[in-house]
Amino acid sequence: QVQLVESGGGLAQHGGSLRLSCAASGSGFSIYVLGWYREAPGKQRELVASIASSNKTSYADSVNGRFTISRDNAKKTVYLQMNSLKPEDTAVYYCNAYVNFDKKYDYWGQGTQVTVSS
């Protein structure tokens, strides 16, 4: 069982930066694929960035070059550094941990609000 708690959301100006953190409790953190998703009002939840246990990263086209995902297995924490923020980045951001081992394990945080003013 893994529990995820996000922090670091808030209000930023257009062109500004925020850093999200997601702290995990439980075992096996290092084997999980970790992801950041976001859900804007009236839109479906979308994958923003992911990082595998190998540290291979993947980004949505809309954030590539502006956002950076990283993980610290010793601290059981995944980060999302968000630079050059745009108003369209406004959303609730969710942390996810996923692994398909003997069965699928899929955990979500409670979300943190990011609001970018124009």
C-alpha atoms as a PDB file:
ATOM      1  CA  GLN A   1       0.000   0.000   0.000  1.00  0.00           C
ATOM      2  CA  VAL A   2       1.303   3.425  -0.972  1.00  0.00           C
ATOM      3  CA  GLN A   3      -0.056   6.771   0.139  1.00  0.00           C
ATOM      4  CA  LEU A   4       0.793   9.920  -1.783  1.00  0.00           C
ATOM      5  CA  VAL A   5       0.648  13.497  -0.534  1.00  0.00           C
ATOM      6  CA  GLU A   6       1.211  16.417  -2.906  1.00  0.00           C
ATOM      7  CA  SER A   7       2.401  19.869  -1.921  1.00  0.00           C
ATOM      8  CA  GLY A   8       3.741  22.999  -3.550  1.00  0.00           C
ATOM      9  CA  GLY A   9       0.750  24.177  -5.488  1.00  0.00           C
ATOM     10  CA  GLY A  10      -0.477  27.721  -5.402  1.00  0.00           C
ATOM     11  CA  LEU A  11      -0.724  30.890  -7.422  1.00  0.00           C
ATOM     12  CA  ALA A  12       1.905  31.892  -9.956  1.00  0.00           C
ATOM     13  CA  GLN A  13       2.160  34.590 -12.568  1.00  0.00           C
ATOM     14  CA  HIS A  14       2.420  33.967 -16.278  1.00  0.00           C
ATOM     15  CA  GLY A  15       6.068  33.104 -16.890  1.00  0.00           C
ATOM     16  CA  GLY A  16       6.666  32.155 -13.289  1.00  0.00           C
ATOM     17  CA  SER A  17       7.698  28.895 -11.665  1.00  0.00           C
ATOM     18  CA  LEU A  18       6.402  26.429  -9.128  1.00  0.00           C
ATOM     19  CA  ARG A  19       7.773  23.176  -7.790  1.00  0.00           C
ATOM     20  CA  LEU A  20       5.411  20.394  -6.837  1.00  0.00           C
ATOM     21  CA  SER A  21       6.398  17.611  -4.487  1.00  0.00           C
ATOM     22  CA  CYS A  22       4.741  14.275  -3.841  1.00  0.00           C
ATOM     23  CA  ALA A  23       5.812  12.363  -0.763  1.00  0.00           C
ATOM     24  CA  ALA A  24       5.052   8.670  -0.550  1.00  0.00           C
ATOM     25  CA  SER A  25       4.662   6.318   2.360  1.00  0.00           C
ATOM     26  CA  GLY A  26       4.800   2.582   2.135  1.00  0.00           C
ATOM     27  CA  SER A  27       7.209   0.166   0.562  1.00  0.00           C
ATOM     28  CA  GLY A  28       8.498  -0.414  -2.933  1.00  0.00           C
ATOM     29  CA  PHE A  29       8.676   3.224  -3.998  1.00  0.00           C
ATOM     30  CA  SER A  30      11.693   2.690  -6.225  1.00  0.00           C
ATOM     31  CA  ILE A  31       9.955   0.205  -8.510  1.00  0.00           C
ATOM     32  CA  TYR A  32       6.947   2.381  -9.299  1.00  0.00           C
ATOM     33  CA  VAL A  33       6.412   4.434 -12.403  1.00  0.00           C
ATOM     34  CA  LEU A  34       5.608   7.879 -11.054  1.00  0.00           C
ATOM     35  CA  GLY A  35       3.509  10.388 -12.888  1.00  0.00           C
ATOM     36  CA  TRP A  36       2.026  13.829 -12.628  1.00  0.00           C
ATOM     37  CA  TYR A  37      -1.428  14.326 -14.083  1.00  0.00           C
ATOM     38  CA  ARG A  38      -3.590  17.397 -14.226  1.00  0.00           C
ATOM     39  CA  GLU A  39      -7.269  18.073 -14.517  1.00  0.00           C
ATOM     40  CA  ALA A  40      -8.567  21.450 -15.600  1.00  0.00           C
ATOM     41  CA  PRO A  41     -12.225  22.465 -15.173  1.00  0.00           C
ATOM     42  CA  GLY A  42     -14.352  20.822 -17.842  1.00  0.00           C
ATOM     43  CA  LYS A  43     -11.475  18.745 -19.177  1.00  0.00           C
ATOM     44  CA  GLN A  44     -10.341  15.185 -18.772  1.00  0.00           C
ATOM     45  CA  ARG A  45      -7.417  14.309 -16.574  1.00  0.00           C
ATOM     46  CA  GLU A  46      -4.246  14.189 -18.657  1.00  0.00           C
ATOM     47  CA  LEU A  47      -0.752  12.873 -18.142  1.00  0.00           C
ATOM     48  CA  VAL A  48       1.759  15.692 -17.815  1.00  0.00           C
ATOM     49  CA  ALA A  49       4.983  13.817 -17.104  1.00  0.00           C
ATOM     50  CA  SER A  50       6.180  10.421 -15.966  1.00  0.00           C
ATOM     51  CA  ILE A  51       9.393   8.893 -14.713  1.00  0.00           C
ATOM     52  CA  ALA A  52      10.175   5.204 -14.704  1.00  0.00           C
ATOM     53  CA  SER A  53      12.194   3.257 -12.168  1.00  0.00           C
ATOM     54  CA  SER A  54      15.086   3.565 -14.637  1.00  0.00           C
ATOM     55  CA  ASN A  55      14.683   7.385 -14.462  1.00  0.00           C
ATOM     56  CA  LYS A  56      13.540   7.506 -18.061  1.00  0.00           C
ATOM     57  CA  THR A  57      11.195  10.465 -18.409  1.00  0.00           C
ATOM     58  CA  SER A  58       8.330  11.327 -20.701  1.00  0.00           C
ATOM     59  CA  TYR A  59       6.417  14.577 -21.159  1.00  0.00           C
ATOM     60  CA  ALA A  60       3.254  15.805 -22.752  1.00  0.00           C
ATOM     61  CA  ASP A  61       3.954  18.004 -25.780  1.00  0.00           C
ATOM     62  CA  SER A  62       2.300  20.946 -24.053  1.00  0.00           C
ATOM     63  CA  VAL A  63       4.866  21.016 -21.238  1.00  0.00           C
ATOM     64  CA  ASN A  64       7.973  19.592 -22.907  1.00  0.00           C
ATOM     65  CA  GLY A  65      10.881  21.938 -22.353  1.00  0.00           C
ATOM     66  CA  ARG A  66       9.134  23.802 -19.532  1.00  0.00           C
ATOM     67  CA  PHE A  67       8.476  21.099 -16.924  1.00  0.00           C
ATOM     68  CA  THR A  68      10.936  18.651 -15.390  1.00  0.00           C
ATOM     69  CA  ILE A  69      10.021  15.538 -13.437  1.00  0.00           C
ATOM     70  CA  SER A  70      12.491  13.934 -11.057  1.00  0.00           C
ATOM     71  CA  ARG A  71      12.482  11.409  -8.255  1.00  0.00           C
ATOM     72  CA  ASP A  72      14.434  10.824  -5.064  1.00  0.00           C
ATOM     73  CA  ASN A  73      13.972   7.216  -4.034  1.00  0.00           C
ATOM     74  CA  ALA A  74      15.780   7.716  -0.727  1.00  0.00           C
ATOM     75  CA  LYS A  75      13.240  10.392   0.216  1.00  0.00           C
ATOM     76  CA  LYS A  76      10.351   8.579  -1.482  1.00  0.00           C
ATOM     77  CA  THR A  77       9.483  11.788  -3.262  1.00  0.00           C
ATOM     78  CA  VAL A  78       8.735  12.781  -6.823  1.00  0.00           C
ATOM     79  CA  TYR A  79       8.982  16.376  -8.006  1.00  0.00           C
ATOM     80  CA  LEU A  80       7.622  18.443 -10.837  1.00  0.00           C
ATOM     81  CA  GLN A  81       9.530  21.625 -11.578  1.00  0.00           C
ATOM     82  CA  MET A  82       7.305  23.901 -13.624  1.00  0.00           C
ATOM     83  CA  ASN A  83       8.877  26.866 -15.397  1.00  0.00           C
ATOM     84  CA  SER A  84       7.542  29.400 -17.877  1.00  0.00           C
ATOM     85  CA  LEU A  85       4.048  28.789 -16.580  1.00  0.00           C
ATOM     86  CA  LYS A  86       1.073  29.704 -18.724  1.00  0.00           C
ATOM     87  CA  PRO A  87      -2.555  30.328 -17.772  1.00  0.00           C
ATOM     88  CA  GLU A  88      -3.480  27.104 -19.555  1.00  0.00           C
ATOM     89  CA  ASP A  89      -1.385  25.212 -16.997  1.00  0.00           C
ATOM     90  CA  THR A  90      -4.049  26.055 -14.421  1.00  0.00           C
ATOM     91  CA  ALA A  91      -5.414  22.779 -13.058  1.00  0.00           C
ATOM     92  CA  VAL A  92      -5.463  20.421 -10.140  1.00  0.00           C
ATOM     93  CA  TYR A  93      -2.273  18.387 -10.299  1.00  0.00           C
ATOM     94  CA  TYR A  94      -2.275  14.776  -9.122  1.00  0.00           C
ATOM     95  CA  CYS A  95       0.581  12.472  -8.298  1.00  0.00           C
ATOM     96  CA  ASN A  96       0.340   8.836  -9.385  1.00  0.00           C
ATOM     97  CA  ALA A  97       2.325   5.704  -8.604  1.00  0.00           C
ATOM     98  CA  TYR A  98       1.850   2.657 -10.796  1.00  0.00           C
ATOM     99  CA  VAL A  99       3.429  -0.735 -11.182  1.00  0.00           C
ATOM    100  CA  ASN A 100       2.276  -3.972 -12.782  1.00  0.00           C
ATOM    101  CA  PHE A 101       3.934  -6.656 -10.699  1.00  0.00           C
ATOM    102  CA  ASP A 102       1.957  -9.707  -9.625  1.00  0.00           C
ATOM    103  CA  LYS A 103      -1.045  -7.454 -10.215  1.00  0.00           C
ATOM    104  CA  LYS A 104      -1.622  -3.811 -11.022  1.00  0.00           C
ATOM    105  CA  TYR A 105      -0.900  -1.361  -8.253  1.00  0.00           C
ATOM    106  CA  ASP A 106      -2.230   2.134  -8.933  1.00  0.00           C
ATOM    107  CA  TYR A 107      -2.239   4.917  -6.338  1.00  0.00           C
ATOM    108  CA  TRP A 108      -3.274   8.582  -6.436  1.00  0.00           C
ATOM    109  CA  GLY A 109      -2.677  11.603  -4.289  1.00  0.00           C
ATOM    110  CA  GLN A 110      -5.415  14.020  -3.297  1.00  0.00           C
ATOM    111  CA  GLY A 111      -4.308  16.723  -5.726  1.00  0.00           C
ATOM    112  CA  THR A 112      -2.919  20.215  -5.415  1.00  0.00           C
ATOM    113  CA  GLN A 113      -4.274  23.311  -7.127  1.00  0.00           C
ATOM    114  CA  VAL A 114      -2.056  25.291  -9.487  1.00  0.00           C
ATOM    115  CA  THR A 115      -3.381  28.606 -10.725  1.00  0.00           C
ATOM    116  CA  VAL A 116      -1.486  30.734 -13.230  1.00  0.00           C
ATOM    117  CA  SER A 117      -2.615  34.318 -13.664  1.00  0.00           C
ATOM    118  CA  SER A 118      -2.311  36.118 -16.967  1.00  0.00           C
END
